[in-house]
Amino acid sequence: MEKRQKLRTIDLTMAAMFVALMAIGANITSFAPFLQVANIPLTMQPFFTVLAGLLLGSRIGALSMTVYMIVGLAGAPVFAQFGSGFESLLGPSGGFIVSYIFGAYAAGKVVELKGNYSLSTFIIASLAGVVMIYLVGTNLMYLALKTWIHAPMSYAAAWKIMALFAVKDLVFTLFCAFIGLRIYKALRNTTYFKTKQSTQQKIS
């Protein structure tokens, strides 16, 4: 049985960077309050979630999203509209906070399984990440609406609402693949990416 790779200081630093990016992406509507649909704010969080998975891998990408959630639950105003605490997690968009963990993991895992950093790999990984976000997030949103919010909404209606966001996120996902690849090419000779690639090769 292979030993689990230990977290390095650089891993934690990169994860922390994406926690900060998620906090920024969550609050774009603070500057443009009209960017909301059904009281759910449009955000850049799916973009940064997928980017974390592409660049950090499944393990560290998911870790960064987990830390983001924990920081918000602890009281830091890092969720959408500078929200924080468990009430944000129990709201209509709370399920998406959880879904970011799965989205980053899915995007990173596709890159790891493909074993190469190419545009096609990044596009497939980005799509996998955003699909996972919507699968987990929309189902948890519907669960919240029906269980403790008691909103009169059907399952089909929940998906219809989220379809409005999906168009934006699919466009940003493709953009994320291009941006992610450019960032990787710019940084691929750094110690972080060289070490990460060699580790993946050993595991495979």
N, C-alpha and C. Protein backbone atom coordinates (compact mmCIF):
# COMPACT_ATOMS: atom_id res chain seq x y z
N MET A 1 0.85 -1.19 0.00
CA MET A 1 0.00 0.00 0.00
C MET A 1 0.89 1.25 0.00
N GLU A 2 0.57 2.21 -0.89
CA GLU A 2 1.38 3.40 -1.00
C GLU A 2 1.09 4.35 0.14
N LYS A 3 2.15 5.02 0.62
CA LYS A 3 1.97 6.00 1.66
C LYS A 3 1.36 7.27 1.07
N ARG A 4 0.45 7.87 1.84
CA ARG A 4 -0.16 9.11 1.40
C ARG A 4 0.88 10.22 1.41
N GLN A 5 0.93 10.99 0.32
CA GLN A 5 1.90 12.06 0.23
C GLN A 5 1.62 13.12 1.30
N LYS A 6 2.66 13.55 2.00
CA LYS A 6 2.50 14.56 3.03
C LYS A 6 2.28 15.92 2.41
N LEU A 7 1.50 16.75 3.11
CA LEU A 7 1.29 18.11 2.66
C LEU A 7 2.56 18.92 2.87
N ARG A 8 2.94 19.67 1.84
CA ARG A 8 4.09 20.54 1.93
C ARG A 8 3.64 21.96 2.22
N THR A 9 4.57 22.79 2.63
CA THR A 9 4.25 24.20 2.90
C THR A 9 3.71 24.88 1.65
N ILE A 10 4.28 24.55 0.50
CA ILE A 10 3.83 25.17 -0.76
C ILE A 10 2.41 24.73 -1.09
N ASP A 11 2.06 23.48 -0.75
CA ASP A 11 0.69 23.02 -0.98
C ASP A 11 -0.30 23.85 -0.17
N LEU A 12 0.03 24.08 1.09
CA LEU A 12 -0.84 24.85 1.96
C LEU A 12 -0.92 26.31 1.50
N THR A 13 0.20 26.82 0.99
CA THR A 13 0.21 28.19 0.49
C THR A 13 -0.68 28.34 -0.73
N MET A 14 -0.59 27.38 -1.65
CA MET A 14 -1.42 27.41 -2.85
C MET A 14 -2.89 27.25 -2.49
N ALA A 15 -3.18 26.38 -1.54
CA ALA A 15 -4.56 26.19 -1.11
C ALA A 15 -5.10 27.47 -0.51
N ALA A 16 -4.30 28.14 0.30
CA ALA A 16 -4.71 29.40 0.92
C ALA A 16 -4.96 30.47 -0.13
N MET A 17 -4.18 30.49 -1.18
CA MET A 17 -4.37 31.46 -2.25
C MET A 17 -5.74 31.29 -2.89
N PHE A 18 -6.14 30.03 -3.11
CA PHE A 18 -7.44 29.80 -3.72
C PHE A 18 -8.59 30.06 -2.76
N VAL A 19 -8.35 29.94 -1.47
CA VAL A 19 -9.36 30.34 -0.49
C VAL A 19 -9.64 31.84 -0.66
N ALA A 20 -8.58 32.62 -0.80
CA ALA A 20 -8.73 34.06 -0.99
C ALA A 20 -9.42 34.38 -2.31
N LEU A 21 -9.07 33.67 -3.36
CA LEU A 21 -9.71 33.89 -4.66
C LEU A 21 -11.20 33.55 -4.61
N MET A 22 -11.54 32.49 -3.89
CA MET A 22 -12.95 32.12 -3.74
C MET A 22 -13.73 33.21 -3.02
N ALA A 23 -13.12 33.80 -1.99
CA ALA A 23 -13.78 34.88 -1.25
C ALA A 23 -14.03 36.08 -2.14
N ILE A 24 -13.07 36.38 -3.00
CA ILE A 24 -13.23 37.50 -3.95
C ILE A 24 -14.31 37.17 -4.97
N GLY A 25 -14.23 35.96 -5.54
CA GLY A 25 -15.19 35.56 -6.56
C GLY A 25 -16.60 35.46 -6.04
N ALA A 26 -16.75 35.21 -4.75
CA ALA A 26 -18.08 35.06 -4.17
C ALA A 26 -18.82 36.37 -4.06
N ASN A 27 -18.09 37.48 -4.07
CA ASN A 27 -18.71 38.76 -3.73
C ASN A 27 -18.69 39.79 -4.85
N ILE A 28 -18.68 39.30 -6.07
CA ILE A 28 -18.77 40.20 -7.21
C ILE A 28 -20.08 40.97 -7.18
N THR A 29 -21.15 40.34 -6.71
CA THR A 29 -22.46 41.00 -6.67
C THR A 29 -22.52 42.12 -5.64
N SER A 30 -21.52 42.23 -4.78
CA SER A 30 -21.48 43.35 -3.85
C SER A 30 -21.25 44.65 -4.60
N PHE A 31 -20.62 44.54 -5.78
CA PHE A 31 -20.39 45.71 -6.61
C PHE A 31 -21.44 45.83 -7.71
N ALA A 32 -22.15 44.73 -7.97
CA ALA A 32 -23.23 44.72 -8.97
C ALA A 32 -24.41 43.92 -8.42
N PRO A 33 -25.20 44.52 -7.51
CA PRO A 33 -26.27 43.80 -6.81
C PRO A 33 -27.34 43.20 -7.72
N PHE A 34 -27.45 43.71 -8.94
CA PHE A 34 -28.48 43.22 -9.85
C PHE A 34 -28.15 41.86 -10.45
N LEU A 35 -26.93 41.38 -10.26
CA LEU A 35 -26.53 40.09 -10.83
C LEU A 35 -27.00 38.94 -9.93
N GLN A 36 -28.32 38.77 -9.85
CA GLN A 36 -28.91 37.71 -9.06
C GLN A 36 -30.10 37.11 -9.81
N VAL A 37 -30.31 35.83 -9.59
CA VAL A 37 -31.47 35.13 -10.15
C VAL A 37 -32.09 34.32 -9.02
N ALA A 38 -33.37 34.55 -8.75
CA ALA A 38 -34.09 33.85 -7.68
C ALA A 38 -33.35 33.96 -6.34
N ASN A 39 -32.84 35.18 -6.08
CA ASN A 39 -32.13 35.47 -4.83
C ASN A 39 -30.82 34.71 -4.67
N ILE A 40 -30.33 34.10 -5.76
CA ILE A 40 -29.04 33.41 -5.73
C ILE A 40 -28.05 34.24 -6.55
N PRO A 41 -26.96 34.70 -5.94
CA PRO A 41 -26.04 35.60 -6.63
C PRO A 41 -25.18 34.90 -7.68
N LEU A 42 -24.94 35.61 -8.77
CA LEU A 42 -23.97 35.13 -9.75
C LEU A 42 -22.58 35.35 -9.17
N THR A 43 -21.73 34.36 -9.28
CA THR A 43 -20.40 34.46 -8.70
C THR A 43 -19.35 33.89 -9.66
N MET A 44 -18.10 34.10 -9.29
CA MET A 44 -16.97 33.52 -10.03
C MET A 44 -16.45 32.28 -9.32
N GLN A 45 -17.17 31.79 -8.34
CA GLN A 45 -16.69 30.65 -7.56
C GLN A 45 -16.49 29.38 -8.38
N PRO A 46 -17.42 29.02 -9.30
CA PRO A 46 -17.15 27.82 -10.11
C PRO A 46 -15.86 27.93 -10.92
N PHE A 47 -15.58 29.14 -11.41
CA PHE A 47 -14.36 29.37 -12.18
C PHE A 47 -13.12 29.06 -11.33
N PHE A 48 -13.06 29.64 -10.14
CA PHE A 48 -11.89 29.43 -9.29
C PHE A 48 -11.84 28.01 -8.73
N THR A 49 -13.01 27.41 -8.55
CA THR A 49 -13.04 26.01 -8.10
C THR A 49 -12.37 25.10 -9.11
N VAL A 50 -12.79 25.24 -10.36
CA VAL A 50 -12.23 24.40 -11.42
C VAL A 50 -10.75 24.70 -11.62
N LEU A 51 -10.39 25.98 -11.56
CA LEU A 51 -8.98 26.36 -11.73
C LEU A 51 -8.12 25.74 -10.63
N ALA A 52 -8.66 25.68 -9.42
CA ALA A 52 -7.92 25.04 -8.32
C ALA A 52 -7.67 23.57 -8.62
N GLY A 53 -8.68 22.89 -9.13
CA GLY A 53 -8.52 21.48 -9.47
C GLY A 53 -7.50 21.27 -10.58
N LEU A 54 -7.55 22.13 -11.60
CA LEU A 54 -6.64 22.00 -12.74
C LEU A 54 -5.18 22.18 -12.32
N LEU A 55 -4.93 23.18 -11.50
CA LEU A 55 -3.55 23.53 -11.16
C LEU A 55 -3.01 22.84 -9.92
N LEU A 56 -3.88 22.57 -8.95
CA LEU A 56 -3.41 21.98 -7.70
C LEU A 56 -3.60 20.48 -7.64
N GLY A 57 -4.44 19.93 -8.51
CA GLY A 57 -4.73 18.50 -8.46
C GLY A 57 -5.95 18.22 -7.60
N SER A 58 -6.40 16.98 -7.62
CA SER A 58 -7.63 16.61 -6.93
C SER A 58 -7.52 16.78 -5.43
N ARG A 59 -6.41 16.38 -4.86
CA ARG A 59 -6.25 16.37 -3.41
C ARG A 59 -6.15 17.78 -2.84
N ILE A 60 -5.20 18.57 -3.34
CA ILE A 60 -5.00 19.92 -2.81
C ILE A 60 -6.12 20.84 -3.27
N GLY A 61 -6.65 20.62 -4.47
CA GLY A 61 -7.78 21.42 -4.93
C GLY A 61 -8.98 21.25 -4.03
N ALA A 62 -9.31 19.99 -3.71
CA ALA A 62 -10.43 19.73 -2.81
C ALA A 62 -10.15 20.26 -1.41
N LEU A 63 -8.89 20.17 -0.98
CA LEU A 63 -8.51 20.70 0.33
C LEU A 63 -8.74 22.20 0.40
N SER A 64 -8.38 22.91 -0.65
CA SER A 64 -8.54 24.36 -0.65
C SER A 64 -10.01 24.74 -0.55
N MET A 65 -10.89 23.99 -1.21
CA MET A 65 -12.32 24.27 -1.13
C MET A 65 -12.89 23.90 0.24
N THR A 66 -12.32 22.86 0.85
CA THR A 66 -12.75 22.48 2.19
C THR A 66 -12.36 23.55 3.20
N VAL A 67 -11.14 24.06 3.07
CA VAL A 67 -10.68 25.13 3.96
C VAL A 67 -11.54 26.38 3.76
N TYR A 68 -11.87 26.68 2.51
CA TYR A 68 -12.74 27.82 2.22
C TYR A 68 -14.07 27.68 2.97
N MET A 69 -14.66 26.50 2.91
CA MET A 69 -15.93 26.27 3.60
C MET A 69 -15.77 26.41 5.12
N ILE A 70 -14.70 25.85 5.67
CA ILE A 70 -14.47 25.90 7.11
C ILE A 70 -14.25 27.34 7.58
N VAL A 71 -13.49 28.11 6.80
CA VAL A 71 -13.23 29.52 7.14
C VAL A 71 -14.55 30.29 7.21
N GLY A 72 -15.43 30.03 6.23
CA GLY A 72 -16.72 30.70 6.22
C GLY A 72 -17.61 30.26 7.38
N LEU A 73 -17.61 28.97 7.65
CA LEU A 73 -18.42 28.46 8.76
C LEU A 73 -17.92 29.00 10.11
N ALA A 74 -16.63 29.27 10.18
CA ALA A 74 -16.05 29.79 11.42
C ALA A 74 -16.40 31.25 11.67
N GLY A 75 -16.96 31.91 10.64
CA GLY A 75 -17.40 33.29 10.85
C GLY A 75 -16.79 34.32 9.94
N ALA A 76 -15.78 33.96 9.15
CA ALA A 76 -15.18 34.92 8.22
C ALA A 76 -16.16 35.17 7.07
N PRO A 77 -16.35 36.43 6.67
CA PRO A 77 -17.35 36.76 5.62
C PRO A 77 -16.84 36.46 4.21
N VAL A 78 -16.66 35.19 3.90
CA VAL A 78 -16.07 34.80 2.61
C VAL A 78 -17.10 34.21 1.64
N PHE A 79 -18.32 33.97 2.12
CA PHE A 79 -19.35 33.44 1.24
C PHE A 79 -19.98 34.57 0.44
N ALA A 80 -20.89 34.23 -0.46
CA ALA A 80 -21.56 35.22 -1.30
C ALA A 80 -22.24 36.28 -0.44
N GLN A 81 -22.16 37.53 -0.92
CA GLN A 81 -22.72 38.69 -0.20
C GLN A 81 -22.12 38.81 1.20
N PHE A 82 -20.86 38.44 1.32
CA PHE A 82 -20.11 38.51 2.57
C PHE A 82 -20.80 37.73 3.69
N GLY A 83 -21.43 36.64 3.31
CA GLY A 83 -22.09 35.80 4.30
C GLY A 83 -21.09 34.91 5.02
N SER A 84 -21.53 34.35 6.13
CA SER A 84 -20.69 33.44 6.91
C SER A 84 -21.58 32.64 7.84
N GLY A 85 -21.01 31.62 8.46
CA GLY A 85 -21.74 30.84 9.44
C GLY A 85 -22.60 29.75 8.83
N PHE A 86 -23.20 28.95 9.71
CA PHE A 86 -23.99 27.80 9.27
C PHE A 86 -25.28 28.22 8.57
N GLU A 87 -25.77 29.43 8.85
CA GLU A 87 -26.99 29.88 8.17
C GLU A 87 -26.78 30.00 6.67
N SER A 88 -25.55 30.34 6.26
CA SER A 88 -25.24 30.40 4.82
C SER A 88 -25.26 29.01 4.22
N LEU A 89 -24.75 28.04 4.96
CA LEU A 89 -24.72 26.67 4.48
C LEU A 89 -26.13 26.08 4.35
N LEU A 90 -27.05 26.57 5.18
CA LEU A 90 -28.41 26.05 5.16
C LEU A 90 -29.32 26.82 4.23
N GLY A 91 -28.82 27.87 3.59
CA GLY A 91 -29.61 28.66 2.67
C GLY A 91 -29.73 28.01 1.31
N PRO A 92 -30.46 28.65 0.38
CA PRO A 92 -30.67 28.07 -0.96
C PRO A 92 -29.38 27.76 -1.71
N SER A 93 -28.37 28.61 -1.53
CA SER A 93 -27.11 28.40 -2.25
C SER A 93 -26.07 27.66 -1.42
N GLY A 94 -26.44 27.22 -0.21
CA GLY A 94 -25.48 26.56 0.66
C GLY A 94 -24.94 25.26 0.10
N GLY A 95 -25.76 24.54 -0.66
CA GLY A 95 -25.31 23.29 -1.24
C GLY A 95 -24.17 23.46 -2.21
N PHE A 96 -24.09 24.64 -2.82
CA PHE A 96 -23.01 24.89 -3.77
C PHE A 96 -21.69 25.10 -3.06
N ILE A 97 -21.73 25.58 -1.82
CA ILE A 97 -20.50 25.70 -1.04
C ILE A 97 -19.87 24.31 -0.87
N VAL A 98 -20.71 23.32 -0.61
CA VAL A 98 -20.24 21.94 -0.49
C VAL A 98 -19.80 21.40 -1.84
N SER A 99 -20.53 21.76 -2.88
CA SER A 99 -20.26 21.21 -4.22
C SER A 99 -18.89 21.62 -4.75
N TYR A 100 -18.35 22.74 -4.28
CA TYR A 100 -17.05 23.19 -4.78
C TYR A 100 -15.95 22.19 -4.42
N ILE A 101 -16.10 21.51 -3.31
CA ILE A 101 -15.12 20.50 -2.92
C ILE A 101 -15.10 19.38 -3.97
N PHE A 102 -16.29 18.93 -4.35
CA PHE A 102 -16.40 17.85 -5.34
C PHE A 102 -15.98 18.32 -6.73
N GLY A 103 -16.30 19.58 -7.06
CA GLY A 103 -15.93 20.11 -8.37
C GLY A 103 -14.43 20.20 -8.56
N ALA A 104 -13.72 20.71 -7.54
CA ALA A 104 -12.26 20.80 -7.63
C ALA A 104 -11.63 19.42 -7.71
N TYR A 105 -12.18 18.49 -6.93
CA TYR A 105 -11.65 17.13 -6.94
C TYR A 105 -11.83 16.49 -8.32
N ALA A 106 -13.01 16.65 -8.91
CA ALA A 106 -13.30 16.05 -10.21
C ALA A 106 -12.38 16.62 -11.29
N ALA A 107 -12.21 17.94 -11.31
CA ALA A 107 -11.35 18.56 -12.32
C ALA A 107 -9.91 18.07 -12.17
N GLY A 108 -9.42 18.05 -10.94
CA GLY A 108 -8.06 17.59 -10.71
C GLY A 108 -7.86 16.13 -11.03
N LYS A 109 -8.84 15.31 -10.72
CA LYS A 109 -8.73 13.87 -10.95
C LYS A 109 -8.67 13.54 -12.44
N VAL A 110 -9.42 14.28 -13.26
CA VAL A 110 -9.37 14.05 -14.71
C VAL A 110 -7.97 14.33 -15.24
N VAL A 111 -7.37 15.43 -14.80
CA VAL A 111 -6.00 15.75 -15.24
C VAL A 111 -5.03 14.66 -14.82
N GLU A 112 -5.19 14.18 -13.60
CA GLU A 112 -4.30 13.14 -13.09
C GLU A 112 -4.47 11.83 -13.84
N LEU A 113 -5.71 11.48 -14.17
CA LEU A 113 -5.96 10.24 -14.89
C LEU A 113 -5.48 10.32 -16.34
N LYS A 114 -5.63 11.49 -16.94
CA LYS A 114 -5.16 11.67 -18.32
C LYS A 114 -3.63 11.69 -18.37
N GLY A 115 -3.02 12.18 -17.31
CA GLY A 115 -1.56 12.15 -17.22
C GLY A 115 -0.83 13.15 -18.09
N ASN A 116 -1.52 14.17 -18.59
CA ASN A 116 -0.84 15.18 -19.38
C ASN A 116 -1.53 16.53 -19.22
N TYR A 117 -0.75 17.58 -19.47
CA TYR A 117 -1.27 18.94 -19.38
C TYR A 117 -1.44 19.48 -20.79
N SER A 118 -2.59 19.23 -21.39
CA SER A 118 -2.89 19.70 -22.73
C SER A 118 -4.23 20.42 -22.72
N LEU A 119 -4.51 21.15 -23.78
CA LEU A 119 -5.76 21.91 -23.84
C LEU A 119 -6.97 20.97 -23.79
N SER A 120 -6.91 19.86 -24.51
CA SER A 120 -8.04 18.93 -24.52
C SER A 120 -8.27 18.35 -23.12
N THR A 121 -7.19 18.04 -22.42
CA THR A 121 -7.31 17.53 -21.06
C THR A 121 -7.94 18.58 -20.14
N PHE A 122 -7.48 19.82 -20.27
CA PHE A 122 -8.01 20.89 -19.43
C PHE A 122 -9.48 21.16 -19.72
N ILE A 123 -9.88 21.06 -20.98
CA ILE A 123 -11.29 21.29 -21.33
C ILE A 123 -12.17 20.19 -20.73
N ILE A 124 -11.74 18.94 -20.89
CA ILE A 124 -12.51 17.81 -20.34
C ILE A 124 -12.58 17.91 -18.82
N ALA A 125 -11.44 18.23 -18.21
CA ALA A 125 -11.39 18.35 -16.75
C ALA A 125 -12.27 19.50 -16.26
N SER A 126 -12.26 20.61 -16.97
CA SER A 126 -13.06 21.77 -16.59
C SER A 126 -14.55 21.44 -16.67
N LEU A 127 -14.95 20.77 -17.74
CA LEU A 127 -16.35 20.37 -17.89
C LEU A 127 -16.76 19.39 -16.80
N ALA A 128 -15.86 18.46 -16.47
CA ALA A 128 -16.16 17.50 -15.40
C ALA A 128 -16.36 18.22 -14.08
N GLY A 129 -15.53 19.23 -13.83
CA GLY A 129 -15.64 19.98 -12.59
C GLY A 129 -16.93 20.75 -12.47
N VAL A 130 -17.33 21.44 -13.55
CA VAL A 130 -18.55 22.25 -13.47
C VAL A 130 -19.80 21.36 -13.45
N VAL A 131 -19.76 20.22 -14.13
CA VAL A 131 -20.88 19.28 -14.08
C VAL A 131 -21.06 18.75 -12.66
N MET A 132 -19.95 18.43 -12.00
CA MET A 132 -20.02 17.96 -10.62
C MET A 132 -20.59 19.03 -9.70
N ILE A 133 -20.18 20.27 -9.91
CA ILE A 133 -20.70 21.37 -9.10
C ILE A 133 -22.21 21.45 -9.21
N TYR A 134 -22.73 21.34 -10.44
CA TYR A 134 -24.17 21.45 -10.64
C TYR A 134 -24.93 20.23 -10.14
N LEU A 135 -24.36 19.06 -10.31
CA LEU A 135 -25.03 17.86 -9.82
C LEU A 135 -25.18 17.89 -8.31
N VAL A 136 -24.10 18.18 -7.62
CA VAL A 136 -24.14 18.21 -6.16
C VAL A 136 -24.89 19.44 -5.67
N GLY A 137 -24.57 20.61 -6.21
CA GLY A 137 -25.15 21.85 -5.74
C GLY A 137 -26.64 21.96 -5.95
N THR A 138 -27.11 21.58 -7.13
CA THR A 138 -28.54 21.70 -7.43
C THR A 138 -29.35 20.72 -6.60
N ASN A 139 -28.85 19.51 -6.44
CA ASN A 139 -29.58 18.53 -5.63
C ASN A 139 -29.63 18.95 -4.16
N LEU A 140 -28.55 19.50 -3.64
CA LEU A 140 -28.55 19.97 -2.26
C LEU A 140 -29.43 21.22 -2.11
N MET A 141 -29.45 22.06 -3.14
CA MET A 141 -30.34 23.22 -3.11
C MET A 141 -31.80 22.79 -3.04
N TYR A 142 -32.15 21.82 -3.86
CA TYR A 142 -33.53 21.33 -3.86
C TYR A 142 -33.87 20.68 -2.52
N LEU A 143 -32.92 19.95 -1.95
CA LEU A 143 -33.14 19.34 -0.64
C LEU A 143 -33.42 20.40 0.41
N ALA A 144 -32.65 21.50 0.37
CA ALA A 144 -32.85 22.58 1.33
C ALA A 144 -34.20 23.25 1.13
N LEU A 145 -34.56 23.50 -0.11
CA LEU A 145 -35.83 24.16 -0.41
C LEU A 145 -37.03 23.34 0.06
N LYS A 146 -36.93 22.04 -0.10
CA LYS A 146 -38.07 21.18 0.25
C LYS A 146 -38.08 20.76 1.71
N THR A 147 -36.93 20.69 2.35
CA THR A 147 -36.84 20.12 3.70
C THR A 147 -36.99 21.16 4.80
N TRP A 148 -36.16 22.22 4.79
CA TRP A 148 -36.24 23.18 5.89
C TRP A 148 -36.61 24.59 5.46
N ILE A 149 -36.49 24.92 4.17
CA ILE A 149 -36.95 26.23 3.72
C ILE A 149 -38.43 26.18 3.34
N HIS A 150 -38.88 25.00 2.95
CA HIS A 150 -40.29 24.75 2.61
C HIS A 150 -40.78 25.66 1.48
N ALA A 151 -39.96 25.77 0.45
CA ALA A 151 -40.34 26.55 -0.72
C ALA A 151 -41.12 25.67 -1.70
N PRO A 152 -42.21 26.19 -2.26
CA PRO A 152 -43.02 25.40 -3.21
C PRO A 152 -42.36 25.34 -4.58
N MET A 153 -41.40 24.45 -4.73
CA MET A 153 -40.67 24.33 -5.99
C MET A 153 -40.48 22.87 -6.34
N SER A 154 -40.70 22.56 -7.62
CA SER A 154 -40.50 21.19 -8.09
C SER A 154 -39.03 20.98 -8.43
N TYR A 155 -38.65 19.70 -8.56
CA TYR A 155 -37.27 19.36 -8.91
C TYR A 155 -36.92 19.91 -10.29
N ALA A 156 -37.87 19.82 -11.22
CA ALA A 156 -37.62 20.34 -12.57
C ALA A 156 -37.44 21.86 -12.55
N ALA A 157 -38.21 22.54 -11.70
CA ALA A 157 -38.09 23.99 -11.59
C ALA A 157 -36.74 24.40 -11.04
N ALA A 158 -36.22 23.61 -10.10
CA ALA A 158 -34.91 23.90 -9.54
C ALA A 158 -33.83 23.84 -10.62
N TRP A 159 -33.91 22.82 -11.46
CA TRP A 159 -32.94 22.69 -12.54
C TRP A 159 -33.14 23.78 -13.60
N LYS A 160 -34.38 24.20 -13.80
CA LYS A 160 -34.66 25.26 -14.77
C LYS A 160 -34.01 26.56 -14.32
N ILE A 161 -34.10 26.85 -13.03
CA ILE A 161 -33.46 28.05 -12.49
C ILE A 161 -31.94 27.98 -12.67
N MET A 162 -31.38 26.81 -12.34
CA MET A 162 -29.93 26.68 -12.42
C MET A 162 -29.41 26.69 -13.85
N ALA A 163 -30.29 26.39 -14.81
CA ALA A 163 -29.89 26.44 -16.21
C ALA A 163 -29.47 27.85 -16.62
N LEU A 164 -30.07 28.85 -15.96
CA LEU A 164 -29.70 30.24 -16.25
C LEU A 164 -28.25 30.50 -15.85
N PHE A 165 -27.81 29.88 -14.79
CA PHE A 165 -26.43 30.03 -14.35
C PHE A 165 -25.49 29.15 -15.18
N ALA A 166 -26.00 28.03 -15.64
CA ALA A 166 -25.16 27.06 -16.35
C ALA A 166 -24.56 27.65 -17.61
N VAL A 167 -25.32 28.50 -18.30
CA VAL A 167 -24.81 29.11 -19.53
C VAL A 167 -23.56 29.93 -19.22
N LYS A 168 -23.66 30.75 -18.19
CA LYS A 168 -22.51 31.56 -17.78
C LYS A 168 -21.34 30.69 -17.37
N ASP A 169 -21.61 29.67 -16.57
CA ASP A 169 -20.53 28.84 -16.04
C ASP A 169 -19.88 27.97 -17.10
N LEU A 170 -20.64 27.54 -18.10
CA LEU A 170 -20.04 26.77 -19.18
C LEU A 170 -19.09 27.63 -20.00
N VAL A 171 -19.47 28.87 -20.25
CA VAL A 171 -18.59 29.80 -20.97
C VAL A 171 -17.32 30.04 -20.17
N PHE A 172 -17.50 30.32 -18.88
CA PHE A 172 -16.34 30.57 -18.02
C PHE A 172 -15.49 29.31 -17.85
N THR A 173 -16.12 28.14 -17.95
CA THR A 173 -15.37 26.89 -17.82
C THR A 173 -14.40 26.72 -18.98
N LEU A 174 -14.87 27.00 -20.19
CA LEU A 174 -14.00 26.91 -21.36
C LEU A 174 -12.87 27.95 -21.26
N PHE A 175 -13.24 29.14 -20.77
CA PHE A 175 -12.23 30.18 -20.56
C PHE A 175 -11.22 29.72 -19.51
N CYS A 176 -11.72 29.03 -18.50
CA CYS A 176 -10.86 28.53 -17.42
C CYS A 176 -9.84 27.54 -17.96
N ALA A 177 -10.24 26.70 -18.91
CA ALA A 177 -9.32 25.73 -19.50
C ALA A 177 -8.17 26.43 -20.20
N PHE A 178 -8.48 27.49 -20.95
CA PHE A 178 -7.43 28.24 -21.65
C PHE A 178 -6.52 28.97 -20.66
N ILE A 179 -7.14 29.64 -19.69
CA ILE A 179 -6.37 30.37 -18.70
C ILE A 179 -5.50 29.42 -17.87
N GLY A 180 -6.10 28.29 -17.46
CA GLY A 180 -5.38 27.32 -16.66
C GLY A 180 -4.16 26.79 -17.38
N LEU A 181 -4.31 26.52 -18.67
CA LEU A 181 -3.19 26.01 -19.45
C LEU A 181 -2.08 27.06 -19.58
N ARG A 182 -2.48 28.32 -19.77
CA ARG A 182 -1.48 29.39 -19.88
C ARG A 182 -0.74 29.57 -18.56
N ILE A 183 -1.45 29.48 -17.46
CA ILE A 183 -0.80 29.59 -16.15
C ILE A 183 0.17 28.44 -15.94
N TYR A 184 -0.29 27.22 -16.32
CA TYR A 184 0.59 26.06 -16.16
C TYR A 184 1.86 26.21 -17.00
N LYS A 185 1.71 26.65 -18.26
CA LYS A 185 2.87 26.79 -19.13
C LYS A 185 3.84 27.83 -18.59
N ALA A 186 3.29 28.86 -17.95
CA ALA A 186 4.14 29.91 -17.40
C ALA A 186 4.89 29.44 -16.15
N LEU A 187 4.29 28.48 -15.44
CA LEU A 187 4.86 28.05 -14.16
C LEU A 187 5.37 26.61 -14.15
N ARG A 188 5.32 25.92 -15.30
CA ARG A 188 5.62 24.48 -15.30
C ARG A 188 7.04 24.14 -14.89
N ASN A 189 7.94 25.09 -14.98
CA ASN A 189 9.33 24.82 -14.59
C ASN A 189 9.60 25.13 -13.12
N THR A 190 8.56 25.52 -12.39
CA THR A 190 8.75 25.78 -10.97
C THR A 190 8.81 24.46 -10.21
N THR A 191 9.36 24.53 -9.01
CA THR A 191 9.50 23.33 -8.19
C THR A 191 8.15 22.70 -7.89
N TYR A 192 7.13 23.53 -7.69
CA TYR A 192 5.81 23.01 -7.33
C TYR A 192 5.27 22.07 -8.40
N PHE A 193 5.26 22.52 -9.65
CA PHE A 193 4.68 21.72 -10.72
C PHE A 193 5.56 20.53 -11.09
N LYS A 194 6.88 20.69 -11.01
CA LYS A 194 7.78 19.56 -11.30
C LYS A 194 7.58 18.46 -10.28
N THR A 195 7.48 18.83 -9.02
CA THR A 195 7.29 17.84 -7.95
C THR A 195 5.93 17.16 -8.08
N LYS A 196 4.90 17.94 -8.42
CA LYS A 196 3.56 17.39 -8.53
C LYS A 196 3.50 16.38 -9.68
N GLN A 197 4.13 16.71 -10.79
CA GLN A 197 4.12 15.80 -11.94
C GLN A 197 4.88 14.51 -11.64
N SER A 198 6.03 14.63 -11.00
CA SER A 198 6.81 13.43 -10.69
C SER A 198 6.06 12.54 -9.72
N THR A 199 5.32 13.13 -8.79
CA THR A 199 4.54 12.35 -7.84
C THR A 199 3.44 11.59 -8.56
N GLN A 200 2.75 12.27 -9.50
CA GLN A 200 1.69 11.62 -10.27
C GLN A 200 2.24 10.45 -11.08
N GLN A 201 3.44 10.62 -11.65
CA GLN A 201 4.04 9.56 -12.46
C GLN A 201 4.37 8.34 -11.59
N LYS A 202 4.83 8.57 -10.36
CA LYS A 202 5.14 7.48 -9.46
C LYS A 202 3.89 6.70 -9.09
N ILE A 203 2.80 7.46 -8.84
CA ILE A 203 1.53 6.83 -8.46
C ILE A 203 0.97 6.00 -9.59
N SER A 204 1.06 6.55 -10.84
CA SER A 204 0.53 5.82 -11.99
C SER A 204 1.45 4.65 -12.36
